[in-house]
Amino acid sequence: MRTLILQTASKYLLPLLLLFSIFILLRGHYLPGGGFVGGLIASIAFILHAFANGLPQTRNLMRIHPGFLMPVGLGLSFLSGLFPMFLNRPFMTGIWFAEKVAVIGSIGTALFFDIGVYLVVIGASLTIIFTISESN
């Protein structure tokens, strides 16, 4: 049963939760957080939206199938681990770029690995939840 209060709250909570998930993702290689926790928070945002507004409206909001995010995230994580090998370093060695970005700080392969994990977690959790929701 959808309520007006939940529908109204989800309009404001979806962008806030997505922004918070990106914050958690970006601070993950310096402090607690990272791709896994950030991906779970982003998934929760879309699940809340689906509870409040219905699954078809949430699918329209996402525009792509969440299952597409899994291979993209796996590929990005794999490439971030493969990149150091081109510099004659072992697989999954952290490479940090010299230039710092104002809000993010140092950018390195760990961040790209975390982004890949973020996408995999969103894709896997939403695919599971949406599939279960459609079967009812």
C-alpha atoms as a PDB file:
ATOM      1  CA  MET A   1       0.000   0.000   0.000  1.00  0.00           C
ATOM      2  CA  ARG A   2       1.500   3.269  -1.105  1.00  0.00           C
ATOM      3  CA  THR A   3       0.993   6.308   1.080  1.00  0.00           C
ATOM      4  CA  LEU A   4       1.253   9.955   0.174  1.00  0.00           C
ATOM      5  CA  ILE A   5       3.799  10.491   2.946  1.00  0.00           C
ATOM      6  CA  LEU A   6       6.117   7.776   1.598  1.00  0.00           C
ATOM      7  CA  GLN A   7       5.765   9.026  -1.987  1.00  0.00           C
ATOM      8  CA  THR A   8       6.602  12.575  -0.939  1.00  0.00           C
ATOM      9  CA  ALA A   9       9.497  11.477   1.256  1.00  0.00           C
ATOM     10  CA  SER A  10      10.958   9.315  -1.509  1.00  0.00           C
ATOM     11  CA  LYS A  11      11.148  12.331  -3.851  1.00  0.00           C
ATOM     12  CA  TYR A  12      13.532  14.015  -1.431  1.00  0.00           C
ATOM     13  CA  LEU A  13      15.295  10.949  -0.086  1.00  0.00           C
ATOM     14  CA  LEU A  14      16.298   9.474  -3.465  1.00  0.00           C
ATOM     15  CA  PRO A  15      18.683  12.283  -4.459  1.00  0.00           C
ATOM     16  CA  LEU A  16      19.967  12.665  -0.888  1.00  0.00           C
ATOM     17  CA  LEU A  17      20.706   8.963  -0.538  1.00  0.00           C
ATOM     18  CA  LEU A  18      22.379   8.847  -3.957  1.00  0.00           C
ATOM     19  CA  LEU A  19      24.545  11.823  -3.048  1.00  0.00           C
ATOM     20  CA  PHE A  20      25.414  10.206   0.277  1.00  0.00           C
ATOM     21  CA  SER A  21      26.303   6.953  -1.488  1.00  0.00           C
ATOM     22  CA  ILE A  22      28.723   8.819  -3.760  1.00  0.00           C
ATOM     23  CA  PHE A  23      30.228  10.518  -0.703  1.00  0.00           C
ATOM     24  CA  ILE A  24      30.745   7.115   0.942  1.00  0.00           C
ATOM     25  CA  LEU A  25      32.221   5.760  -2.296  1.00  0.00           C
ATOM     26  CA  LEU A  26      34.728   8.595  -2.651  1.00  0.00           C
ATOM     27  CA  ARG A  27      35.966   8.510   0.925  1.00  0.00           C
ATOM     28  CA  GLY A  28      36.335   4.735   0.888  1.00  0.00           C
ATOM     29  CA  HIS A  29      40.022   4.489   0.090  1.00  0.00           C
ATOM     30  CA  TYR A  30      40.944   6.915   2.886  1.00  0.00           C
ATOM     31  CA  LEU A  31      38.340   6.191   5.589  1.00  0.00           C
ATOM     32  CA  PRO A  32      35.656   3.547   6.213  1.00  0.00           C
ATOM     33  CA  GLY A  33      33.298   3.214   3.298  1.00  0.00           C
ATOM     34  CA  GLY A  34      33.958   2.389  -0.314  1.00  0.00           C
ATOM     35  CA  GLY A  35      32.254   0.774  -3.234  1.00  0.00           C
ATOM     36  CA  PHE A  36      30.397  -1.942  -1.381  1.00  0.00           C
ATOM     37  CA  VAL A  37      28.776   0.244   1.258  1.00  0.00           C
ATOM     38  CA  GLY A  38      28.138   3.063  -1.230  1.00  0.00           C
ATOM     39  CA  GLY A  39      26.498   0.602  -3.631  1.00  0.00           C
ATOM     40  CA  LEU A  40      24.233  -0.707  -0.893  1.00  0.00           C
ATOM     41  CA  ILE A  41      23.131   2.819   0.011  1.00  0.00           C
ATOM     42  CA  ALA A  42      22.386   3.604  -3.654  1.00  0.00           C
ATOM     43  CA  SER A  43      20.412   0.350  -3.943  1.00  0.00           C
ATOM     44  CA  ILE A  44      18.413   1.241  -0.856  1.00  0.00           C
ATOM     45  CA  ALA A  45      17.546   4.588  -2.440  1.00  0.00           C
ATOM     46  CA  PHE A  46      16.084   2.885  -5.524  1.00  0.00           C
ATOM     47  CA  ILE A  47      14.316   0.225  -3.452  1.00  0.00           C
ATOM     48  CA  LEU A  48      12.686   2.931  -1.335  1.00  0.00           C
ATOM     49  CA  HIS A  49      11.578   4.675  -4.534  1.00  0.00           C
ATOM     50  CA  ALA A  50      10.126   1.399  -5.829  1.00  0.00           C
ATOM     51  CA  PHE A  51       8.206   0.816  -2.601  1.00  0.00           C
ATOM     52  CA  ALA A  52       6.808   4.334  -2.696  1.00  0.00           C
ATOM     53  CA  ASN A  53       6.051   4.760  -6.395  1.00  0.00           C
ATOM     54  CA  GLY A  54       5.926   1.279  -7.872  1.00  0.00           C
ATOM     55  CA  LEU A  55       8.459  -0.800  -9.711  1.00  0.00           C
ATOM     56  CA  PRO A  56       7.560   0.388 -13.246  1.00  0.00           C
ATOM     57  CA  GLN A  57       8.177   4.030 -12.327  1.00  0.00           C
ATOM     58  CA  THR A  58      11.533   3.165 -10.727  1.00  0.00           C
ATOM     59  CA  ARG A  59      12.578   1.192 -13.815  1.00  0.00           C
ATOM     60  CA  ASN A  60      11.701   4.220 -15.974  1.00  0.00           C
ATOM     61  CA  LEU A  61      13.734   6.432 -13.654  1.00  0.00           C
ATOM     62  CA  MET A  62      16.810   4.200 -13.975  1.00  0.00           C
ATOM     63  CA  ARG A  63      16.554   3.996 -17.801  1.00  0.00           C
ATOM     64  CA  ILE A  64      18.906   1.003 -17.936  1.00  0.00           C
ATOM     65  CA  HIS A  65      18.489  -2.501 -16.581  1.00  0.00           C
ATOM     66  CA  PRO A  66      20.419  -2.903 -13.324  1.00  0.00           C
ATOM     67  CA  GLY A  67      21.862  -6.179 -14.629  1.00  0.00           C
ATOM     68  CA  PHE A  68      23.848  -4.147 -17.171  1.00  0.00           C
ATOM     69  CA  LEU A  69      25.790  -2.514 -14.332  1.00  0.00           C
ATOM     70  CA  MET A  70      27.327  -5.805 -13.202  1.00  0.00           C
ATOM     71  CA  PRO A  71      29.534  -6.542 -16.252  1.00  0.00           C
ATOM     72  CA  VAL A  72      30.458  -2.870 -16.557  1.00  0.00           C
ATOM     73  CA  GLY A  73      31.560  -2.786 -12.926  1.00  0.00           C
ATOM     74  CA  LEU A  74      33.433  -6.074 -13.200  1.00  0.00           C
ATOM     75  CA  GLY A  75      35.217  -4.817 -16.292  1.00  0.00           C
ATOM     76  CA  LEU A  76      36.197  -1.553 -14.632  1.00  0.00           C
ATOM     77  CA  SER A  77      37.506  -3.356 -11.544  1.00  0.00           C
ATOM     78  CA  PHE A  78      39.469  -5.795 -13.672  1.00  0.00           C
ATOM     79  CA  LEU A  79      40.966  -3.013 -15.788  1.00  0.00           C
ATOM     80  CA  SER A  80      41.984  -1.095 -12.665  1.00  0.00           C
ATOM     81  CA  GLY A  81      43.855  -4.174 -11.506  1.00  0.00           C
ATOM     82  CA  LEU A  82      45.362  -4.779 -14.939  1.00  0.00           C
ATOM     83  CA  PHE A  83      46.613  -1.203 -15.420  1.00  0.00           C
ATOM     84  CA  PRO A  84      49.707  -1.571 -13.165  1.00  0.00           C
ATOM     85  CA  MET A  85      50.894  -4.497 -15.300  1.00  0.00           C
ATOM     86  CA  PHE A  86      51.451  -2.071 -18.177  1.00  0.00           C
ATOM     87  CA  LEU A  87      53.895  -0.255 -15.885  1.00  0.00           C
ATOM     88  CA  ASN A  88      55.753  -3.488 -15.017  1.00  0.00           C
ATOM     89  CA  ARG A  89      54.138  -3.781 -11.603  1.00  0.00           C
ATOM     90  CA  PRO A  90      52.157  -6.701 -10.142  1.00  0.00           C
ATOM     91  CA  PHE A  91      48.433  -7.109 -10.758  1.00  0.00           C
ATOM     92  CA  MET A  92      46.274  -4.994  -8.397  1.00  0.00           C
ATOM     93  CA  THR A  93      49.146  -2.725  -7.319  1.00  0.00           C
ATOM     94  CA  GLY A  94      47.856   0.686  -6.284  1.00  0.00           C
ATOM     95  CA  ILE A  95      48.956   3.424  -8.678  1.00  0.00           C
ATOM     96  CA  TRP A  96      48.332   6.997  -7.563  1.00  0.00           C
ATOM     97  CA  PHE A  97      48.345   9.943  -9.952  1.00  0.00           C
ATOM     98  CA  ALA A  98      50.451  12.972  -9.008  1.00  0.00           C
ATOM     99  CA  GLU A  99      47.716  15.586  -9.461  1.00  0.00           C
ATOM    100  CA  LYS A 100      45.162  15.965  -6.686  1.00  0.00           C
ATOM    101  CA  VAL A 101      41.508  16.795  -7.312  1.00  0.00           C
ATOM    102  CA  ALA A 102      39.956  19.459  -5.087  1.00  0.00           C
ATOM    103  CA  VAL A 103      37.151  17.488  -3.427  1.00  0.00           C
ATOM    104  CA  ILE A 104      38.300  13.911  -3.993  1.00  0.00           C
ATOM    105  CA  GLY A 105      42.005  14.171  -3.202  1.00  0.00           C
ATOM    106  CA  SER A 106      44.434  11.735  -4.786  1.00  0.00           C
ATOM    107  CA  ILE A 107      43.051   9.612  -7.582  1.00  0.00           C
ATOM    108  CA  GLY A 108      44.386   6.143  -8.099  1.00  0.00           C
ATOM    109  CA  THR A 109      43.514   2.686  -9.277  1.00  0.00           C
ATOM    110  CA  ALA A 110      41.875   1.933  -5.922  1.00  0.00           C
ATOM    111  CA  LEU A 111      39.185   4.507  -6.690  1.00  0.00           C
ATOM    112  CA  PHE A 112      38.431   2.906 -10.058  1.00  0.00           C
ATOM    113  CA  PHE A 113      38.290  -0.505  -8.390  1.00  0.00           C
ATOM    114  CA  ASP A 114      35.828   0.908  -5.832  1.00  0.00           C
ATOM    115  CA  ILE A 115      33.672   2.407  -8.594  1.00  0.00           C
ATOM    116  CA  GLY A 116      33.558  -1.001 -10.240  1.00  0.00           C
ATOM    117  CA  VAL A 117      32.500  -2.640  -6.973  1.00  0.00           C
ATOM    118  CA  TYR A 118      29.906   0.133  -6.515  1.00  0.00           C
ATOM    119  CA  LEU A 119      28.355  -0.671  -9.906  1.00  0.00           C
ATOM    120  CA  VAL A 120      28.412  -4.440  -9.304  1.00  0.00           C
ATOM    121  CA  VAL A 121      26.698  -4.098  -5.928  1.00  0.00           C
ATOM    122  CA  ILE A 122      23.991  -1.823  -7.310  1.00  0.00           C
ATOM    123  CA  GLY A 123      23.415  -4.097 -10.281  1.00  0.00           C
ATOM    124  CA  ALA A 124      23.331  -7.334  -8.304  1.00  0.00           C
ATOM    125  CA  SER A 125      21.177  -6.130  -5.423  1.00  0.00           C
ATOM    126  CA  LEU A 126      18.642  -4.331  -7.625  1.00  0.00           C
ATOM    127  CA  THR A 127      18.420  -7.248 -10.045  1.00  0.00           C
ATOM    128  CA  ILE A 128      17.668  -9.592  -7.151  1.00  0.00           C
ATOM    129  CA  ILE A 129      15.141  -7.294  -5.466  1.00  0.00           C
ATOM    130  CA  PHE A 130      13.388  -6.311  -8.723  1.00  0.00           C
ATOM    131  CA  THR A 131      13.154  -9.957  -9.801  1.00  0.00           C
ATOM    132  CA  ILE A 132      11.644 -10.953  -6.467  1.00  0.00           C
ATOM    133  CA  SER A 133       9.217  -8.009  -6.650  1.00  0.00           C
ATOM    134  CA  GLU A 134       8.081  -8.926 -10.148  1.00  0.00           C
ATOM    135  CA  SER A 135       7.350 -12.529  -9.179  1.00  0.00           C
ATOM    136  CA  ASN A 136       4.710 -11.475  -6.611  1.00  0.00           C
END
